[in-house]
Amino acid sequence: MVASDELLCSRCTRPVRVSAAEYETFERMHYGCFHYEFEHDPADPDEECTAGGCPSGAIVGGREAAAVTAKELAVEARGATAWENTELPSYLEALGAWLSECVGFYANQRRVRPSNAWVVIRDAMRAATIYE
């Protein structure tokens, strides 16, 4: 049952709760509905588009690229002279720190944080080699 004071999405007619503060900005829609209505075309709804924060980014690819990065880093680690964090504990500490602060990394690069977590993990694994 919908309360009479709930905000309803003009696209799907369901209550808008999570993005209620941006209800007017997103033309009285959920962010996802707004995105697919106005920003996503001509991309297939199941693939990530070029709009930053695309909801489809979370469901497409990335796992294999993260696995390739991990394998590349394993090879690099055997002769890692350019790495700051050559020992496992320091690497893991840097990995955790980078993940905690990655919003700043993407902002400094003028990039929207990827919605695909595999992309963030790939970036984090690479960054942890030198992150302090």
N, C-alpha and C. Protein backbone atom coordinates (compact mmCIF):
# COMPACT_ATOMS: atom_id res chain seq x y z
N MET A 1 0.84 -1.18 0.00
CA MET A 1 0.00 0.00 0.00
C MET A 1 0.89 1.24 0.00
N VAL A 2 0.56 2.21 -0.81
CA VAL A 2 1.31 3.45 -0.94
C VAL A 2 0.68 4.53 -0.08
N ALA A 3 1.48 5.17 0.74
CA ALA A 3 0.97 6.28 1.56
C ALA A 3 0.68 7.46 0.65
N SER A 4 -0.31 8.25 1.00
CA SER A 4 -0.73 9.37 0.16
C SER A 4 0.33 10.44 0.01
N ASP A 5 1.28 10.51 0.95
CA ASP A 5 2.31 11.54 0.86
C ASP A 5 3.60 11.03 0.21
N GLU A 6 3.61 9.78 -0.27
CA GLU A 6 4.80 9.24 -0.91
C GLU A 6 4.96 9.82 -2.31
N LEU A 7 6.22 9.99 -2.71
CA LEU A 7 6.55 10.47 -4.04
C LEU A 7 6.50 9.28 -4.99
N LEU A 8 5.79 9.41 -6.08
CA LEU A 8 5.68 8.32 -7.04
C LEU A 8 6.46 8.65 -8.30
N CYS A 9 7.13 7.66 -8.81
CA CYS A 9 7.91 7.80 -10.03
C CYS A 9 6.97 7.96 -11.21
N SER A 10 7.23 8.98 -12.03
CA SER A 10 6.37 9.23 -13.18
C SER A 10 6.60 8.22 -14.30
N ARG A 11 7.65 7.41 -14.20
CA ARG A 11 7.92 6.41 -15.24
C ARG A 11 7.37 5.04 -14.86
N CYS A 12 7.67 4.59 -13.62
CA CYS A 12 7.26 3.24 -13.23
C CYS A 12 6.13 3.23 -12.21
N THR A 13 5.79 4.37 -11.68
CA THR A 13 4.70 4.59 -10.71
C THR A 13 4.96 4.00 -9.32
N ARG A 14 6.13 3.49 -9.06
CA ARG A 14 6.45 2.98 -7.72
C ARG A 14 6.96 4.12 -6.85
N PRO A 15 6.89 3.97 -5.53
CA PRO A 15 7.36 5.03 -4.63
C PRO A 15 8.86 5.31 -4.79
N VAL A 16 9.22 6.58 -4.74
CA VAL A 16 10.62 7.01 -4.79
C VAL A 16 11.06 7.25 -3.36
N ARG A 17 12.00 6.46 -2.87
CA ARG A 17 12.44 6.61 -1.49
C ARG A 17 13.93 6.95 -1.41
N VAL A 18 14.77 6.15 -2.01
CA VAL A 18 16.22 6.34 -1.89
C VAL A 18 16.66 7.68 -2.48
N SER A 19 16.14 8.03 -3.64
CA SER A 19 16.54 9.29 -4.28
C SER A 19 15.47 10.37 -4.12
N ALA A 20 14.72 10.31 -3.03
CA ALA A 20 13.64 11.28 -2.81
C ALA A 20 14.14 12.72 -2.76
N ALA A 21 15.34 12.94 -2.25
CA ALA A 21 15.88 14.30 -2.16
C ALA A 21 16.12 14.89 -3.55
N GLU A 22 16.33 14.04 -4.54
CA GLU A 22 16.57 14.50 -5.92
C GLU A 22 15.35 14.28 -6.81
N TYR A 23 14.19 14.09 -6.21
CA TYR A 23 12.96 13.77 -6.93
C TYR A 23 12.68 14.78 -8.06
N GLU A 24 12.76 16.05 -7.76
CA GLU A 24 12.50 17.07 -8.79
C GLU A 24 13.62 17.12 -9.81
N THR A 25 14.86 16.97 -9.37
CA THR A 25 16.01 16.98 -10.28
C THR A 25 15.88 15.88 -11.32
N PHE A 26 15.44 14.70 -10.87
CA PHE A 26 15.28 13.56 -11.77
C PHE A 26 13.89 13.51 -12.39
N GLU A 27 13.28 14.66 -12.53
CA GLU A 27 11.99 14.82 -13.20
C GLU A 27 10.92 13.88 -12.64
N ARG A 28 10.86 13.84 -11.31
CA ARG A 28 9.87 13.05 -10.58
C ARG A 28 9.98 11.55 -10.88
N MET A 29 11.25 11.09 -10.92
CA MET A 29 11.53 9.67 -11.18
C MET A 29 12.60 9.17 -10.23
N HIS A 30 12.72 7.84 -10.17
CA HIS A 30 13.89 7.22 -9.54
C HIS A 30 15.09 7.61 -10.40
N TYR A 31 16.28 7.60 -9.80
CA TYR A 31 17.46 7.89 -10.62
C TYR A 31 17.56 6.88 -11.77
N GLY A 32 17.37 5.60 -11.47
CA GLY A 32 17.48 4.58 -12.52
C GLY A 32 16.48 4.80 -13.65
N CYS A 33 15.26 5.13 -13.32
CA CYS A 33 14.25 5.40 -14.35
C CYS A 33 14.64 6.61 -15.19
N PHE A 34 15.12 7.66 -14.51
CA PHE A 34 15.57 8.87 -15.21
C PHE A 34 16.72 8.53 -16.15
N HIS A 35 17.67 7.76 -15.65
CA HIS A 35 18.84 7.40 -16.45
C HIS A 35 18.41 6.66 -17.72
N TYR A 36 17.58 5.63 -17.56
CA TYR A 36 17.19 4.85 -18.74
C TYR A 36 16.26 5.64 -19.66
N GLU A 37 15.54 6.57 -19.13
CA GLU A 37 14.63 7.40 -19.95
C GLU A 37 15.40 8.43 -20.78
N PHE A 38 16.40 9.08 -20.18
CA PHE A 38 17.03 10.23 -20.83
C PHE A 38 18.52 10.10 -21.15
N GLU A 39 19.24 9.28 -20.44
CA GLU A 39 20.70 9.26 -20.61
C GLU A 39 21.25 8.02 -21.30
N HIS A 40 20.59 6.92 -21.25
CA HIS A 40 21.19 5.63 -21.64
C HIS A 40 21.22 5.38 -23.15
N ASP A 41 20.26 5.86 -23.88
CA ASP A 41 20.21 5.57 -25.32
C ASP A 41 21.45 6.09 -26.02
N PRO A 42 21.92 5.45 -27.04
CA PRO A 42 21.36 4.29 -27.74
C PRO A 42 21.90 2.95 -27.25
N ALA A 43 22.54 2.92 -26.10
CA ALA A 43 23.12 1.68 -25.60
C ALA A 43 22.05 0.66 -25.25
N ASP A 44 22.41 -0.61 -25.37
CA ASP A 44 21.57 -1.70 -24.92
C ASP A 44 21.38 -1.54 -23.40
N PRO A 45 20.19 -1.70 -22.87
CA PRO A 45 19.98 -1.52 -21.43
C PRO A 45 20.86 -2.40 -20.55
N ASP A 46 21.34 -3.53 -21.10
CA ASP A 46 22.17 -4.43 -20.31
C ASP A 46 23.66 -4.14 -20.41
N GLU A 47 24.05 -3.09 -21.15
CA GLU A 47 25.47 -2.75 -21.21
C GLU A 47 25.69 -1.35 -20.67
N GLU A 48 26.85 -1.13 -20.10
CA GLU A 48 27.16 0.17 -19.51
C GLU A 48 27.29 1.21 -20.61
N CYS A 49 26.65 2.36 -20.40
CA CYS A 49 26.74 3.45 -21.36
C CYS A 49 27.84 4.41 -20.92
N THR A 50 27.98 5.51 -21.62
CA THR A 50 29.04 6.46 -21.30
C THR A 50 28.67 7.43 -20.19
N ALA A 51 27.43 7.44 -19.75
CA ALA A 51 27.03 8.32 -18.65
C ALA A 51 27.64 7.80 -17.36
N GLY A 52 28.27 8.68 -16.62
CA GLY A 52 28.89 8.27 -15.36
C GLY A 52 27.86 7.71 -14.40
N GLY A 53 28.21 6.63 -13.73
CA GLY A 53 27.31 6.03 -12.75
C GLY A 53 26.20 5.20 -13.36
N CYS A 54 26.36 4.76 -14.59
CA CYS A 54 25.33 3.97 -15.26
C CYS A 54 24.99 2.73 -14.42
N PRO A 55 23.71 2.53 -14.08
CA PRO A 55 23.33 1.36 -13.28
C PRO A 55 23.68 0.03 -13.92
N SER A 56 23.76 -0.02 -15.25
CA SER A 56 24.10 -1.28 -15.92
C SER A 56 25.56 -1.66 -15.74
N GLY A 57 26.38 -0.71 -15.32
CA GLY A 57 27.79 -1.00 -15.11
C GLY A 57 28.02 -2.08 -14.09
N ALA A 58 27.12 -2.22 -13.15
CA ALA A 58 27.27 -3.22 -12.10
C ALA A 58 27.01 -4.63 -12.60
N ILE A 59 26.39 -4.78 -13.75
CA ILE A 59 26.04 -6.13 -14.21
C ILE A 59 26.87 -6.62 -15.38
N VAL A 60 27.70 -5.77 -15.95
CA VAL A 60 28.45 -6.18 -17.13
C VAL A 60 29.93 -6.33 -16.84
N GLY A 61 30.49 -7.40 -17.38
CA GLY A 61 31.92 -7.61 -17.43
C GLY A 61 32.74 -7.15 -16.24
N GLY A 62 34.00 -7.08 -16.46
CA GLY A 62 34.92 -6.59 -15.46
C GLY A 62 35.61 -7.68 -14.68
N ARG A 63 34.93 -8.77 -14.44
CA ARG A 63 35.53 -9.85 -13.66
C ARG A 63 36.77 -10.39 -14.34
N GLU A 64 36.68 -10.64 -15.62
CA GLU A 64 37.83 -11.17 -16.35
C GLU A 64 38.98 -10.17 -16.39
N ALA A 65 38.67 -8.89 -16.56
CA ALA A 65 39.72 -7.86 -16.56
C ALA A 65 40.39 -7.79 -15.20
N ALA A 66 39.63 -7.94 -14.12
CA ALA A 66 40.22 -7.94 -12.77
C ALA A 66 41.11 -9.16 -12.58
N ALA A 67 40.69 -10.30 -13.11
CA ALA A 67 41.49 -11.52 -13.01
C ALA A 67 42.80 -11.36 -13.79
N VAL A 68 42.74 -10.77 -14.97
CA VAL A 68 43.94 -10.53 -15.78
C VAL A 68 44.89 -9.59 -15.04
N THR A 69 44.35 -8.54 -14.43
CA THR A 69 45.18 -7.60 -13.67
C THR A 69 45.86 -8.31 -12.52
N ALA A 70 45.14 -9.17 -11.79
CA ALA A 70 45.74 -9.92 -10.68
C ALA A 70 46.89 -10.79 -11.17
N LYS A 71 46.70 -11.44 -12.31
CA LYS A 71 47.76 -12.30 -12.87
C LYS A 71 48.96 -11.47 -13.31
N GLU A 72 48.71 -10.32 -13.91
CA GLU A 72 49.80 -9.42 -14.32
C GLU A 72 50.58 -8.94 -13.09
N LEU A 73 49.87 -8.58 -12.04
CA LEU A 73 50.52 -8.12 -10.82
C LEU A 73 51.36 -9.22 -10.18
N ALA A 74 50.90 -10.46 -10.26
CA ALA A 74 51.68 -11.57 -9.72
C ALA A 74 53.01 -11.70 -10.44
N VAL A 75 53.00 -11.54 -11.76
CA VAL A 75 54.24 -11.59 -12.54
C VAL A 75 55.13 -10.40 -12.17
N GLU A 76 54.53 -9.21 -12.12
CA GLU A 76 55.29 -8.00 -11.76
C GLU A 76 55.90 -8.12 -10.37
N ALA A 77 55.17 -8.70 -9.43
CA ALA A 77 55.61 -8.77 -8.04
C ALA A 77 56.91 -9.57 -7.89
N ARG A 78 57.13 -10.50 -8.79
CA ARG A 78 58.34 -11.32 -8.71
C ARG A 78 59.60 -10.47 -8.90
N GLY A 79 59.49 -9.38 -9.64
CA GLY A 79 60.64 -8.51 -9.86
C GLY A 79 60.30 -7.06 -9.56
N ALA A 80 59.45 -6.88 -8.58
CA ALA A 80 58.90 -5.55 -8.29
C ALA A 80 59.93 -4.62 -7.67
N THR A 81 60.60 -3.88 -8.52
CA THR A 81 61.51 -2.86 -8.01
C THR A 81 60.85 -1.50 -8.03
N ALA A 82 59.81 -1.34 -8.84
CA ALA A 82 59.12 -0.06 -8.95
C ALA A 82 57.95 0.05 -7.96
N TRP A 83 57.66 -1.02 -7.26
CA TRP A 83 56.57 -1.01 -6.30
C TRP A 83 57.03 -0.40 -4.98
N GLU A 84 56.17 0.38 -4.36
CA GLU A 84 56.42 0.87 -3.01
C GLU A 84 56.12 -0.23 -2.00
N ASN A 85 55.09 -1.01 -2.27
CA ASN A 85 54.58 -2.00 -1.32
C ASN A 85 54.88 -3.41 -1.82
N THR A 86 56.12 -3.85 -1.61
CA THR A 86 56.53 -5.15 -2.12
C THR A 86 56.20 -6.30 -1.18
N GLU A 87 55.95 -6.01 0.09
CA GLU A 87 55.58 -7.05 1.05
C GLU A 87 54.07 -7.14 1.14
N LEU A 88 53.55 -8.36 1.31
CA LEU A 88 52.11 -8.57 1.34
C LEU A 88 51.38 -7.71 2.37
N PRO A 89 51.85 -7.62 3.61
CA PRO A 89 51.12 -6.78 4.58
C PRO A 89 51.02 -5.31 4.16
N SER A 90 52.11 -4.75 3.62
CA SER A 90 52.05 -3.34 3.20
C SER A 90 51.17 -3.17 1.97
N TYR A 91 51.18 -4.16 1.08
CA TYR A 91 50.32 -4.12 -0.10
C TYR A 91 48.85 -4.15 0.33
N LEU A 92 48.50 -5.06 1.24
CA LEU A 92 47.11 -5.17 1.68
C LEU A 92 46.67 -3.93 2.45
N GLU A 93 47.57 -3.36 3.23
CA GLU A 93 47.25 -2.12 3.94
C GLU A 93 46.97 -0.99 2.94
N ALA A 94 47.80 -0.89 1.91
CA ALA A 94 47.60 0.13 0.87
C ALA A 94 46.31 -0.13 0.09
N LEU A 95 46.01 -1.39 -0.16
CA LEU A 95 44.78 -1.75 -0.87
C LEU A 95 43.56 -1.27 -0.09
N GLY A 96 43.55 -1.55 1.20
CA GLY A 96 42.43 -1.12 2.05
C GLY A 96 42.33 0.40 2.12
N ALA A 97 43.47 1.06 2.25
CA ALA A 97 43.47 2.52 2.32
C ALA A 97 42.96 3.13 1.02
N TRP A 98 43.42 2.60 -0.11
CA TRP A 98 42.99 3.14 -1.40
C TRP A 98 41.49 2.95 -1.59
N LEU A 99 41.00 1.77 -1.23
CA LEU A 99 39.56 1.53 -1.37
C LEU A 99 38.75 2.50 -0.50
N SER A 100 39.26 2.82 0.69
CA SER A 100 38.56 3.77 1.57
C SER A 100 38.55 5.18 1.01
N GLU A 101 39.54 5.50 0.19
CA GLU A 101 39.71 6.87 -0.28
C GLU A 101 39.57 7.02 -1.80
N CYS A 102 39.05 6.00 -2.48
CA CYS A 102 39.04 6.01 -3.94
C CYS A 102 38.15 7.08 -4.55
N VAL A 103 37.18 7.57 -3.83
CA VAL A 103 36.32 8.63 -4.37
C VAL A 103 37.18 9.83 -4.74
N GLY A 104 38.16 10.15 -3.89
CA GLY A 104 39.08 11.25 -4.18
C GLY A 104 39.93 10.99 -5.40
N PHE A 105 40.36 9.75 -5.60
CA PHE A 105 41.15 9.38 -6.78
C PHE A 105 40.37 9.67 -8.04
N TYR A 106 39.14 9.19 -8.08
CA TYR A 106 38.33 9.40 -9.28
C TYR A 106 38.01 10.88 -9.48
N ALA A 107 37.76 11.59 -8.40
CA ALA A 107 37.48 13.03 -8.51
C ALA A 107 38.69 13.77 -9.05
N ASN A 108 39.89 13.43 -8.55
CA ASN A 108 41.11 14.08 -9.03
C ASN A 108 41.36 13.80 -10.51
N GLN A 109 40.91 12.67 -10.98
CA GLN A 109 41.06 12.31 -12.38
C GLN A 109 39.89 12.79 -13.23
N ARG A 110 38.97 13.52 -12.57
CA ARG A 110 37.76 14.00 -13.23
C ARG A 110 36.97 12.85 -13.86
N ARG A 111 36.89 11.76 -13.09
CA ARG A 111 36.14 10.59 -13.50
C ARG A 111 35.06 10.31 -12.47
N VAL A 112 33.94 9.82 -12.93
CA VAL A 112 32.90 9.35 -12.02
C VAL A 112 33.33 7.97 -11.55
N ARG A 113 33.15 7.72 -10.27
CA ARG A 113 33.50 6.39 -9.74
C ARG A 113 32.72 5.35 -10.52
N PRO A 114 33.40 4.33 -11.05
CA PRO A 114 32.71 3.31 -11.83
C PRO A 114 31.64 2.59 -11.02
N SER A 115 30.52 2.30 -11.65
CA SER A 115 29.47 1.56 -10.95
C SER A 115 29.77 0.07 -10.96
N ASN A 116 30.68 -0.35 -11.82
CA ASN A 116 31.08 -1.75 -11.87
C ASN A 116 32.18 -1.97 -10.83
N ALA A 117 31.87 -2.72 -9.79
CA ALA A 117 32.82 -2.94 -8.70
C ALA A 117 34.09 -3.63 -9.18
N TRP A 118 34.00 -4.43 -10.24
CA TRP A 118 35.20 -5.09 -10.76
C TRP A 118 36.21 -4.07 -11.28
N VAL A 119 35.74 -2.99 -11.86
CA VAL A 119 36.63 -1.94 -12.35
C VAL A 119 37.33 -1.27 -11.17
N VAL A 120 36.59 -1.02 -10.11
CA VAL A 120 37.18 -0.41 -8.91
C VAL A 120 38.22 -1.36 -8.32
N ILE A 121 37.93 -2.64 -8.25
CA ILE A 121 38.87 -3.62 -7.71
C ILE A 121 40.13 -3.67 -8.57
N ARG A 122 39.96 -3.66 -9.88
CA ARG A 122 41.12 -3.65 -10.78
C ARG A 122 41.98 -2.42 -10.53
N ASP A 123 41.36 -1.25 -10.44
CA ASP A 123 42.10 -0.02 -10.17
C ASP A 123 42.78 -0.09 -8.81
N ALA A 124 42.09 -0.65 -7.82
CA ALA A 124 42.64 -0.74 -6.46
C ALA A 124 43.85 -1.66 -6.41
N MET A 125 43.78 -2.80 -7.08
CA MET A 125 44.91 -3.73 -7.07
C MET A 125 46.15 -3.07 -7.66
N ARG A 126 45.96 -2.34 -8.73
CA ARG A 126 47.08 -1.67 -9.39
C ARG A 126 47.59 -0.52 -8.49
N ALA A 127 46.69 0.27 -7.93
CA ALA A 127 47.08 1.42 -7.11
C ALA A 127 47.82 0.98 -5.85
N ALA A 128 47.45 -0.15 -5.29
CA ALA A 128 48.06 -0.60 -4.03
C ALA A 128 49.54 -0.92 -4.16
N THR A 129 50.02 -1.04 -5.36
CA THR A 129 51.46 -1.31 -5.54
C THR A 129 52.29 -0.10 -5.12
N ILE A 130 51.70 1.11 -5.22
CA ILE A 130 52.47 2.32 -4.93
C ILE A 130 51.80 3.24 -3.91
N TYR A 131 50.57 2.95 -3.52
CA TYR A 131 49.81 3.83 -2.64
C TYR A 131 50.39 3.84 -1.23
N GLU A 132 50.46 5.02 -0.64
CA GLU A 132 50.98 5.15 0.73
C GLU A 132 49.90 5.48 1.69
